[in-house]
PDB file of N, CA and C in Angstrom:
ATOM      1  N   UNK A   1      -7.721   9.019 -15.442  1.00  0.00           N
ATOM      2  CA  UNK A   1      -7.789   8.700 -14.025  1.00  0.00           C
ATOM      3  C   UNK A   1      -6.966   7.442 -13.767  1.00  0.00           C
ATOM      4  N   UNK A   2      -6.416   7.389 -12.564  1.00  0.00           N
ATOM      5  CA  UNK A   2      -5.590   6.253 -12.149  1.00  0.00           C
ATOM      6  C   UNK A   2      -6.089   5.737 -10.806  1.00  0.00           C
ATOM      7  N   UNK A   3      -5.880   4.459 -10.588  1.00  0.00           N
ATOM      8  CA  UNK A   3      -6.113   3.832  -9.294  1.00  0.00           C
ATOM      9  C   UNK A   3      -4.747   3.526  -8.712  1.00  0.00           C
ATOM     10  N   UNK A   4      -4.503   4.025  -7.516  1.00  0.00           N
ATOM     11  CA  UNK A   4      -3.262   3.726  -6.810  1.00  0.00           C
ATOM     12  C   UNK A   4      -3.613   2.870  -5.612  1.00  0.00           C
ATOM     13  N   UNK A   5      -2.835   1.832  -5.398  1.00  0.00           N
ATOM     14  CA  UNK A   5      -2.938   1.012  -4.206  1.00  0.00           C
ATOM     15  C   UNK A   5      -1.612   1.055  -3.486  1.00  0.00           C
ATOM     16  N   UNK A   6      -1.648   1.258  -2.170  1.00  0.00           N
ATOM     17  CA  UNK A   6      -0.422   1.279  -1.371  1.00  0.00           C
ATOM     18  C   UNK A   6      -0.543   0.303  -0.222  1.00  0.00           C
ATOM     19  N   UNK A   7       0.477  -0.541  -0.098  1.00  0.00           N
ATOM     20  CA  UNK A   7       0.530  -1.520   0.972  1.00  0.00           C
ATOM     21  C   UNK A   7       1.645  -1.136   1.926  1.00  0.00           C
ATOM     22  N   UNK A   8       1.327  -1.136   3.225  1.00  0.00           N
ATOM     23  CA  UNK A   8       2.333  -0.785   4.218  1.00  0.00           C
ATOM     24  C   UNK A   8       2.092  -1.601   5.481  1.00  0.00           C
ATOM     25  N   UNK A   9       3.134  -1.717   6.276  1.00  0.00           N
ATOM     26  CA  UNK A   9       2.969  -2.318   7.589  1.00  0.00           C
ATOM     27  C   UNK A   9       2.132  -1.383   8.444  1.00  0.00           C
ATOM     28  N   UNK A  10       1.509  -1.948   9.466  1.00  0.00           N
ATOM     29  CA  UNK A  10       0.657  -1.162  10.356  1.00  0.00           C
ATOM     30  C   UNK A  10       1.384   0.075  10.882  1.00  0.00           C
ATOM     31  N   UNK A  11       2.665  -0.069  11.242  1.00  0.00           N
ATOM     32  CA  UNK A  11       3.390   1.066  11.816  1.00  0.00           C
ATOM     33  C   UNK A  11       3.701   2.165  10.794  1.00  0.00           C
ATOM     34  N   UNK A  12       3.548   1.883   9.501  1.00  0.00           N
ATOM     35  CA  UNK A  12       3.784   2.890   8.461  1.00  0.00           C
ATOM     36  C   UNK A  12       2.496   3.483   7.897  1.00  0.00           C
ATOM     37  N   UNK A  13       1.367   3.077   8.430  1.00  0.00           N
ATOM     38  CA  UNK A  13       0.076   3.531   7.909  1.00  0.00           C
ATOM     39  C   UNK A  13      -0.051   5.058   7.940  1.00  0.00           C
ATOM     40  N   UNK A  14       0.415   5.696   9.000  1.00  0.00           N
ATOM     41  CA  UNK A  14       0.321   7.155   9.092  1.00  0.00           C
ATOM     42  C   UNK A  14       1.183   7.841   8.032  1.00  0.00           C
ATOM     43  N   UNK A  15       2.307   7.243   7.656  1.00  0.00           N
ATOM     44  CA  UNK A  15       3.145   7.802   6.594  1.00  0.00           C
ATOM     45  C   UNK A  15       2.379   7.828   5.274  1.00  0.00           C
ATOM     46  N   UNK A  16       1.597   6.785   5.014  1.00  0.00           N
ATOM     47  CA  UNK A  16       0.778   6.727   3.797  1.00  0.00           C
ATOM     48  C   UNK A  16      -0.299   7.814   3.847  1.00  0.00           C
ATOM     49  N   UNK A  17      -0.946   7.966   4.993  1.00  0.00           N
ATOM     50  CA  UNK A  17      -1.972   8.999   5.140  1.00  0.00           C
ATOM     51  C   UNK A  17      -1.368  10.388   4.901  1.00  0.00           C
ATOM     52  N   UNK A  18      -0.187  10.630   5.472  1.00  0.00           N
ATOM     53  CA  UNK A  18       0.488  11.922   5.286  1.00  0.00           C
ATOM     54  C   UNK A  18       0.855  12.147   3.821  1.00  0.00           C
ATOM     55  N   UNK A  19       1.274  11.089   3.145  1.00  0.00           N
ATOM     56  CA  UNK A  19       1.622  11.197   1.730  1.00  0.00           C
ATOM     57  C   UNK A  19       0.399  11.607   0.910  1.00  0.00           C
ATOM     58  N   UNK A  20      -0.733  10.949   1.150  1.00  0.00           N
ATOM     59  CA  UNK A  20      -1.966  11.319   0.458  1.00  0.00           C
ATOM     60  C   UNK A  20      -2.304  12.784   0.745  1.00  0.00           C
ATOM     61  N   UNK A  21      -2.213  13.188   2.000  1.00  0.00           N
ATOM     62  CA  UNK A  21      -2.562  14.558   2.375  1.00  0.00           C
ATOM     63  C   UNK A  21      -1.659  15.573   1.674  1.00  0.00           C
ATOM     64  N   UNK A  22      -0.353  15.311   1.639  1.00  0.00           N
ATOM     65  CA  UNK A  22       0.585  16.223   0.976  1.00  0.00           C
ATOM     66  C   UNK A  22       0.277  16.391  -0.501  1.00  0.00           C
ATOM     67  N   UNK A  23      -0.265  15.342  -1.126  1.00  0.00           N
ATOM     68  CA  UNK A  23      -0.555  15.388  -2.559  1.00  0.00           C
ATOM     69  C   UNK A  23      -2.019  15.737  -2.849  1.00  0.00           C
ATOM     70  N   UNK A  24      -2.739  16.179  -1.837  1.00  0.00           N
ATOM     71  CA  UNK A  24      -4.096  16.663  -2.036  1.00  0.00           C
ATOM     72  C   UNK A  24      -5.133  15.588  -2.309  1.00  0.00           C
ATOM     73  N   UNK A  25      -4.872  14.353  -1.896  1.00  0.00           N
ATOM     74  CA  UNK A  25      -5.854  13.275  -2.061  1.00  0.00           C
ATOM     75  C   UNK A  25      -6.801  13.331  -0.869  1.00  0.00           C
ATOM     76  N   UNK A  26      -8.069  13.649  -1.141  1.00  0.00           N
ATOM     77  CA  UNK A  26      -9.024  13.847  -0.062  1.00  0.00           C
ATOM     78  C   UNK A  26      -9.858  12.609   0.244  1.00  0.00           C
ATOM     79  N   UNK A  27      -9.958  11.694  -0.711  1.00  0.00           N
ATOM     80  CA  UNK A  27     -10.794  10.505  -0.512  1.00  0.00           C
ATOM     81  C   UNK A  27      -9.998   9.258  -0.875  1.00  0.00           C
ATOM     82  N   UNK A  28      -9.964   8.313   0.055  1.00  0.00           N
ATOM     83  CA  UNK A  28      -9.339   7.028  -0.225  1.00  0.00           C
ATOM     84  C   UNK A  28     -10.000   5.974   0.641  1.00  0.00           C
ATOM     85  N   UNK A  29      -9.808   4.737   0.283  1.00  0.00           N
ATOM     86  CA  UNK A  29     -10.327   3.618   1.064  1.00  0.00           C
ATOM     87  C   UNK A  29      -9.154   2.861   1.652  1.00  0.00           C
ATOM     88  N   UNK A  30      -9.425   2.203   2.768  1.00  0.00           N
ATOM     89  CA  UNK A  30      -8.353   1.491   3.457  1.00  0.00           C
ATOM     90  C   UNK A  30      -8.915   0.230   4.103  1.00  0.00           C
ATOM     91  N   UNK A  31      -8.105  -0.803   4.111  1.00  0.00           N
ATOM     92  CA  UNK A  31      -8.493  -2.029   4.790  1.00  0.00           C
ATOM     93  C   UNK A  31      -7.257  -2.654   5.424  1.00  0.00           C
ATOM     94  N   UNK A  32      -7.461  -3.356   6.512  1.00  0.00           N
ATOM     95  CA  UNK A  32      -6.369  -4.075   7.149  1.00  0.00           C
ATOM     96  C   UNK A  32      -6.254  -5.446   6.502  1.00  0.00           C
ATOM     97  N   UNK A  33      -5.017  -5.875   6.301  1.00  0.00           N
ATOM     98  CA  UNK A  33      -4.779  -7.186   5.693  1.00  0.00           C
ATOM     99  C   UNK A  33      -3.666  -7.892   6.454  1.00  0.00           C
ATOM    100  N   UNK A  34      -3.638  -9.207   6.348  1.00  0.00           N
ATOM    101  CA  UNK A  34      -2.534  -9.974   6.902  1.00  0.00           C
ATOM    102  C   UNK A  34      -1.506 -10.160   5.803  1.00  0.00           C
ATOM    103  N   UNK A  35      -0.304  -9.707   6.068  1.00  0.00           N
ATOM    104  CA  UNK A  35       0.771  -9.849   5.095  1.00  0.00           C
ATOM    105  C   UNK A  35       1.509 -11.159   5.319  1.00  0.00           C
ATOM    106  N   UNK A  36       2.009 -11.732   4.265  1.00  0.00           N
ATOM    107  CA  UNK A  36       2.731 -13.001   4.367  1.00  0.00           C
ATOM    108  C   UNK A  36       4.101 -12.884   3.728  1.00  0.00           C
ATOM    109  N   UNK A  37       5.015 -13.619   4.277  1.00  0.00           N
ATOM    110  CA  UNK A  37       6.337 -13.771   3.695  1.00  0.00           C
ATOM    111  C   UNK A  37       6.502 -15.254   3.390  1.00  0.00           C
ATOM    112  N   UNK A  38       7.561 -15.625   2.731  1.00  0.00           N
ATOM    113  CA  UNK A  38       7.783 -17.049   2.465  1.00  0.00           C
ATOM    114  C   UNK A  38       7.836 -17.852   3.764  1.00  0.00           C
ATOM    115  N   UNK A  39       8.420 -17.272   4.809  1.00  0.00           N
ATOM    116  CA  UNK A  39       8.511 -18.017   6.068  1.00  0.00           C
ATOM    117  C   UNK A  39       7.142 -18.217   6.712  1.00  0.00           C
ATOM    118  N   UNK A  40       6.226 -17.220   6.632  1.00  0.00           N
ATOM    119  CA  UNK A  40       4.896 -17.431   7.206  1.00  0.00           C
ATOM    120  C   UNK A  40       4.103 -18.434   6.376  1.00  0.00           C
ATOM    121  N   UNK A  41       4.294 -18.425   5.064  1.00  0.00           N
ATOM    122  CA  UNK A  41       3.602 -19.406   4.225  1.00  0.00           C
ATOM    123  C   UNK A  41       4.116 -20.812   4.507  1.00  0.00           C
ATOM    124  N   UNK A  42       5.415 -20.959   4.709  1.00  0.00           N
ATOM    125  CA  UNK A  42       5.975 -22.268   5.044  1.00  0.00           C
ATOM    126  C   UNK A  42       5.446 -22.756   6.388  1.00  0.00           C
ATOM    127  N   UNK A  43       5.287 -21.830   7.337  1.00  0.00           N
ATOM    128  CA  UNK A  43       4.829 -22.193   8.682  1.00  0.00           C
ATOM    129  C   UNK A  43       3.329 -22.490   8.725  1.00  0.00           C
ATOM    130  N   UNK A  44       2.538 -21.640   8.066  1.00  0.00           N
ATOM    131  CA  UNK A  44       1.076 -21.733   8.176  1.00  0.00           C
ATOM    132  C   UNK A  44       0.384 -22.301   6.938  1.00  0.00           C
ATOM    133  N   UNK A  45       1.077 -22.381   5.816  1.00  0.00           N
ATOM    134  CA  UNK A  45       0.457 -22.873   4.592  1.00  0.00           C
ATOM    135  C   UNK A  45      -0.277 -21.763   3.850  1.00  0.00           C
ATOM    136  N   UNK A  46      -0.844 -22.117   2.707  1.00  0.00           N
ATOM    137  CA  UNK A  46      -1.502 -21.149   1.830  1.00  0.00           C
ATOM    138  C   UNK A  46      -2.938 -20.845   2.232  1.00  0.00           C
ATOM    139  N   UNK A  47      -3.569 -21.700   3.023  1.00  0.00           N
ATOM    140  CA  UNK A  47      -4.993 -21.539   3.303  1.00  0.00           C
ATOM    141  C   UNK A  47      -5.208 -20.591   4.465  1.00  0.00           C
ATOM    142  N   UNK A  48      -6.333 -19.847   4.468  1.00  0.00           N
ATOM    143  CA  UNK A  48      -6.615 -18.903   5.545  1.00  0.00           C
ATOM    144  C   UNK A  48      -6.599 -19.604   6.900  1.00  0.00           C
ATOM    145  N   UNK A  49      -6.134 -18.878   7.892  1.00  0.00           N
ATOM    146  CA  UNK A  49      -6.031 -19.449   9.225  1.00  0.00           C
ATOM    147  C   UNK A  49      -6.235 -18.363  10.269  1.00  0.00           C
ATOM    148  N   UNK A  50      -6.675 -18.767  11.448  1.00  0.00           N
ATOM    149  CA  UNK A  50      -6.784 -17.846  12.566  1.00  0.00           C
ATOM    150  C   UNK A  50      -5.494 -17.819  13.374  1.00  0.00           C
ATOM    151  N   UNK A  51      -4.545 -18.679  13.014  1.00  0.00           N
ATOM    152  CA  UNK A  51      -3.279 -18.692  13.731  1.00  0.00           C
ATOM    153  C   UNK A  51      -2.567 -17.364  13.552  1.00  0.00           C
ATOM    154  N   UNK A  52      -1.746 -17.042  14.512  1.00  0.00           N
ATOM    155  CA  UNK A  52      -1.043 -15.763  14.510  1.00  0.00           C
ATOM    156  C   UNK A  52      -0.124 -15.630  13.299  1.00  0.00           C
ATOM    157  N   UNK A  53      -0.307 -14.570  12.552  1.00  0.00           N
ATOM    158  CA  UNK A  53       0.571 -14.229  11.442  1.00  0.00           C
ATOM    159  C   UNK A  53       1.281 -12.948  11.864  1.00  0.00           C
ATOM    160  N   UNK A  54       2.607 -12.928  11.867  1.00  0.00           N
ATOM    161  CA  UNK A  54       3.339 -11.822  12.481  1.00  0.00           C
ATOM    162  C   UNK A  54       3.325 -10.495  11.735  1.00  0.00           C
ATOM    163  N   UNK A  55       2.988 -10.453  10.468  1.00  0.00           N
ATOM    164  CA  UNK A  55       3.066  -9.206   9.711  1.00  0.00           C
ATOM    165  C   UNK A  55       1.646  -8.716   9.391  1.00  0.00           C
ATOM    166  N   UNK A  56       1.270  -7.586   9.990  1.00  0.00           N
ATOM    167  CA  UNK A  56      -0.031  -7.000   9.704  1.00  0.00           C
ATOM    168  C   UNK A  56       0.165  -5.774   8.838  1.00  0.00           C
ATOM    169  N   UNK A  57      -0.691  -5.626   7.859  1.00  0.00           N
ATOM    170  CA  UNK A  57      -0.517  -4.591   6.854  1.00  0.00           C
ATOM    171  C   UNK A  57      -1.789  -3.793   6.660  1.00  0.00           C
ATOM    172  N   UNK A  58      -1.644  -2.700   5.954  1.00  0.00           N
ATOM    173  CA  UNK A  58      -2.748  -1.850   5.567  1.00  0.00           C
ATOM    174  C   UNK A  58      -2.688  -1.695   4.052  1.00  0.00           C
ATOM    175  N   UNK A  59      -3.850  -1.696   3.411  1.00  0.00           N
ATOM    176  CA  UNK A  59      -3.932  -1.508   1.975  1.00  0.00           C
ATOM    177  C   UNK A  59      -4.854  -0.322   1.719  1.00  0.00           C
ATOM    178  N   UNK A  60      -4.310   0.728   1.086  1.00  0.00           N
ATOM    179  CA  UNK A  60      -5.077   1.935   0.780  1.00  0.00           C
ATOM    180  C   UNK A  60      -5.258   2.059  -0.726  1.00  0.00           C
ATOM    181  N   UNK A  61      -6.450   2.505  -1.144  1.00  0.00           N
ATOM    182  CA  UNK A  61      -6.751   2.743  -2.550  1.00  0.00           C
ATOM    183  C   UNK A  61      -7.208   4.177  -2.727  1.00  0.00           C
ATOM    184  N   UNK A  62      -6.837   4.789  -3.845  1.00  0.00           N
ATOM    185  CA  UNK A  62      -7.352   6.111  -4.194  1.00  0.00           C
ATOM    186  C   UNK A  62      -7.461   6.194  -5.709  1.00  0.00           C
ATOM    187  N   UNK A  63      -8.498   6.869  -6.194  1.00  0.00           N
ATOM    188  CA  UNK A  63      -8.660   7.160  -7.619  1.00  0.00           C
ATOM    189  C   UNK A  63      -8.402   8.652  -7.781  1.00  0.00           C
ATOM    190  N   UNK A  64      -7.465   8.990  -8.672  1.00  0.00           N
ATOM    191  CA  UNK A  64      -7.054  10.375  -8.799  1.00  0.00           C
ATOM    192  C   UNK A  64      -6.527  10.660 -10.198  1.00  0.00           C
ATOM    193  N   UNK A  65      -6.342  11.934 -10.527  1.00  0.00           N
ATOM    194  CA  UNK A  65      -5.819  12.283 -11.856  1.00  0.00           C
ATOM    195  C   UNK A  65      -4.426  11.690 -12.084  1.00  0.00           C
ATOM    196  N   UNK A  66      -4.120  11.400 -13.339  1.00  0.00           N
ATOM    197  CA  UNK A  66      -2.874  10.745 -13.704  1.00  0.00           C
ATOM    198  C   UNK A  66      -1.623  11.457 -13.244  1.00  0.00           C
ATOM    199  N   UNK A  67      -1.580  12.785 -13.363  1.00  0.00           N
ATOM    200  CA  UNK A  67      -0.389  13.535 -12.968  1.00  0.00           C
ATOM    201  C   UNK A  67      -0.127  13.400 -11.472  1.00  0.00           C
ATOM    202  N   UNK A  68      -1.168  13.513 -10.683  1.00  0.00           N
ATOM    203  CA  UNK A  68      -1.022  13.378  -9.227  1.00  0.00           C
ATOM    204  C   UNK A  68      -0.600  11.957  -8.867  1.00  0.00           C
ATOM    205  N   UNK A  69      -1.152  10.972  -9.554  1.00  0.00           N
ATOM    206  CA  UNK A  69      -0.764   9.573  -9.314  1.00  0.00           C
ATOM    207  C   UNK A  69       0.718   9.377  -9.617  1.00  0.00           C
ATOM    208  N   UNK A  70       1.185   9.955 -10.718  1.00  0.00           N
ATOM    209  CA  UNK A  70       2.606   9.850 -11.069  1.00  0.00           C
ATOM    210  C   UNK A  70       3.488  10.475  -9.992  1.00  0.00           C
ATOM    211  N   UNK A  71       3.073  11.613  -9.451  1.00  0.00           N
ATOM    212  CA  UNK A  71       3.842  12.275  -8.392  1.00  0.00           C
ATOM    213  C   UNK A  71       3.948  11.378  -7.156  1.00  0.00           C
ATOM    214  N   UNK A  72       2.845  10.764  -6.780  1.00  0.00           N
ATOM    215  CA  UNK A  72       2.843   9.885  -5.609  1.00  0.00           C
ATOM    216  C   UNK A  72       3.726   8.661  -5.854  1.00  0.00           C
ATOM    217  N   UNK A  73       3.602   8.069  -7.034  1.00  0.00           N
ATOM    218  CA  UNK A  73       4.414   6.894  -7.341  1.00  0.00           C
ATOM    219  C   UNK A  73       5.903   7.236  -7.335  1.00  0.00           C
ATOM    220  N   UNK A  74       6.260   8.410  -7.833  1.00  0.00           N
ATOM    221  CA  UNK A  74       7.662   8.843  -7.823  1.00  0.00           C
ATOM    222  C   UNK A  74       8.166   8.985  -6.386  1.00  0.00           C
ATOM    223  N   UNK A  75       7.337   9.559  -5.519  1.00  0.00           N
ATOM    224  CA  UNK A  75       7.745   9.702  -4.120  1.00  0.00           C
ATOM    225  C   UNK A  75       7.922   8.339  -3.448  1.00  0.00           C
ATOM    226  N   UNK A  76       7.006   7.409  -3.709  1.00  0.00           N
ATOM    227  CA  UNK A  76       7.126   6.060  -3.131  1.00  0.00           C
ATOM    228  C   UNK A  76       8.397   5.387  -3.638  1.00  0.00           C
ATOM    229  N   UNK A  77       8.690   5.558  -4.912  1.00  0.00           N
ATOM    230  CA  UNK A  77       9.896   4.960  -5.496  1.00  0.00           C
ATOM    231  C   UNK A  77      11.159   5.512  -4.813  1.00  0.00           C
ATOM    232  N   UNK A  78      11.213   6.819  -4.587  1.00  0.00           N
ATOM    233  CA  UNK A  78      12.360   7.426  -3.913  1.00  0.00           C
ATOM    234  C   UNK A  78      12.494   6.908  -2.484  1.00  0.00           C
ATOM    235  N   UNK A  79      11.357   6.791  -1.786  1.00  0.00           N
ATOM    236  CA  UNK A  79      11.380   6.269  -0.416  1.00  0.00           C
ATOM    237  C   UNK A  79      11.888   4.836  -0.387  1.00  0.00           C
ATOM    238  N   UNK A  80      11.464   4.036  -1.345  1.00  0.00           N
ATOM    239  CA  UNK A  80      11.862   2.627  -1.384  1.00  0.00           C
ATOM    240  C   UNK A  80      13.371   2.487  -1.569  1.00  0.00           C
ATOM    241  N   UNK A  81      13.970   3.401  -2.337  1.00  0.00           N
ATOM    242  CA  UNK A  81      15.413   3.365  -2.552  1.00  0.00           C
ATOM    243  C   UNK A  81      16.180   3.647  -1.263  1.00  0.00           C
ATOM    244  N   UNK A  82      15.573   4.421  -0.359  1.00  0.00           N
ATOM    245  CA  UNK A  82      16.240   4.803   0.887  1.00  0.00           C
ATOM    246  C   UNK A  82      15.848   3.913   2.066  1.00  0.00           C
ATOM    247  N   UNK A  83      14.764   3.183   1.949  1.00  0.00           N
ATOM    248  CA  UNK A  83      14.245   2.375   3.057  1.00  0.00           C
ATOM    249  C   UNK A  83      15.046   1.084   3.168  1.00  0.00           C
ATOM    250  N   UNK A  84      15.610   0.836   4.332  1.00  0.00           N
ATOM    251  CA  UNK A  84      16.407  -0.373   4.547  1.00  0.00           C
ATOM    252  C   UNK A  84      15.625  -1.469   5.264  1.00  0.00           C
ATOM    253  N   UNK A  85      14.363  -1.205   5.594  1.00  0.00           N
ATOM    254  CA  UNK A  85      13.561  -2.215   6.282  1.00  0.00           C
ATOM    255  C   UNK A  85      13.201  -3.342   5.323  1.00  0.00           C
ATOM    256  N   UNK A  86      12.904  -4.523   5.861  1.00  0.00           N
ATOM    257  CA  UNK A  86      12.529  -5.641   4.981  1.00  0.00           C
ATOM    258  C   UNK A  86      11.135  -5.485   4.353  1.00  0.00           C
ATOM    259  N   UNK A  87      10.349  -4.510   4.857  1.00  0.00           N
ATOM    260  CA  UNK A  87       8.978  -4.324   4.368  1.00  0.00           C
ATOM    261  C   UNK A  87       8.695  -2.852   4.088  1.00  0.00           C
ATOM    262  N   UNK A  88       9.290  -2.280   3.028  1.00  0.00           N
ATOM    263  CA  UNK A  88       9.005  -0.874   2.711  1.00  0.00           C
ATOM    264  C   UNK A  88       7.574  -0.716   2.181  1.00  0.00           C
ATOM    265  N   UNK A  89       7.112   0.523   2.124  1.00  0.00           N
ATOM    266  CA  UNK A  89       5.803   0.802   1.534  1.00  0.00           C
ATOM    267  C   UNK A  89       5.862   0.401   0.066  1.00  0.00           C
ATOM    268  N   UNK A  90       4.878  -0.334  -0.381  1.00  0.00           N
ATOM    269  CA  UNK A  90       4.773  -0.773  -1.779  1.00  0.00           C
ATOM    270  C   UNK A  90       3.564  -0.096  -2.412  1.00  0.00           C
ATOM    271  N   UNK A  91       3.610   0.103  -3.726  1.00  0.00           N
ATOM    272  CA  UNK A  91       2.485   0.753  -4.407  1.00  0.00           C
ATOM    273  C   UNK A  91       2.335   0.217  -5.817  1.00  0.00           C
ATOM    274  N   UNK A  92       1.110   0.323  -6.322  1.00  0.00           N
ATOM    275  CA  UNK A  92       0.854  -0.003  -7.725  1.00  0.00           C
ATOM    276  C   UNK A  92      -0.101   1.031  -8.291  1.00  0.00           C
ATOM    277  N   UNK A  93      -0.086   1.163  -9.611  1.00  0.00           N
ATOM    278  CA  UNK A  93      -0.923   2.130 -10.313  1.00  0.00           C
ATOM    279  C   UNK A  93      -1.522   1.455 -11.530  1.00  0.00           C
ATOM    280  N   UNK A  94      -2.821   1.622 -11.732  1.00  0.00           N
ATOM    281  CA  UNK A  94      -3.481   1.083 -12.921  1.00  0.00           C
ATOM    282  C   UNK A  94      -4.427   2.130 -13.497  1.00  0.00           C
ATOM    283  N   UNK A  95      -4.690   2.017 -14.777  1.00  0.00           N
ATOM    284  CA  UNK A  95      -5.619   2.920 -15.446  1.00  0.00           C
ATOM    285  C   UNK A  95      -7.048   2.620 -15.017  1.00  0.00           C
ATOM    286  N   UNK A  96      -7.837   3.685 -14.898  1.00  0.00           N
ATOM    287  CA  UNK A  96      -9.270   3.563 -14.639  1.00  0.00           C
ATOM    288  C   UNK A  96      -9.974   4.014 -15.909  1.00  0.00           C
ATOM    289  N   UNK A  97     -10.623   3.096 -16.599  1.00  0.00           N
ATOM    290  CA  UNK A  97     -11.278   3.426 -17.860  1.00  0.00           C
ATOM    291  C   UNK A  97     -12.555   4.230 -17.650  1.00  0.00           C
ATOM    292  N   UNK A  98     -13.275   3.885 -16.583  1.00  0.00           N
ATOM    293  CA  UNK A  98     -14.555   4.544 -16.353  1.00  0.00           C
ATOM    294  C   UNK A  98     -14.867   4.468 -14.870  1.00  0.00           C
ATOM    295  N   UNK A  99     -15.426   5.550 -14.339  1.00  0.00           N
ATOM    296  CA  UNK A  99     -15.810   5.579 -12.934  1.00  0.00           C
ATOM    297  C   UNK A  99     -17.115   6.327 -12.808  1.00  0.00           C
ATOM    298  N   UNK A 100     -18.033   5.786 -12.056  1.00  0.00           N
ATOM    299  CA  UNK A 100     -19.349   6.413 -11.868  1.00  0.00           C
ATOM    300  C   UNK A 100     -19.516   6.781 -10.409  1.00  0.00           C
TER     301      UNK A 100
END
């Protein structure tokens, strides 16, 4: 089993949902996060703040079989090669030793 995490800007959240659906992922978790760049960190500092941060992101997690995780990661990698935006969809994959 693998854990996949995908980070995207708010406007790309539906693309992530569609990707999961195409690959048969029926259950995932999602949370909204504030994304930072070097310029926002320089402006606002490292500590949490209520001040406006211009980049809002979504972070999705799914636990799925290794082969399906590899397929999703390959698709994200191909998209990243073609995406010219400064904030493409990002993803990571880690092993899940045990899940209850």
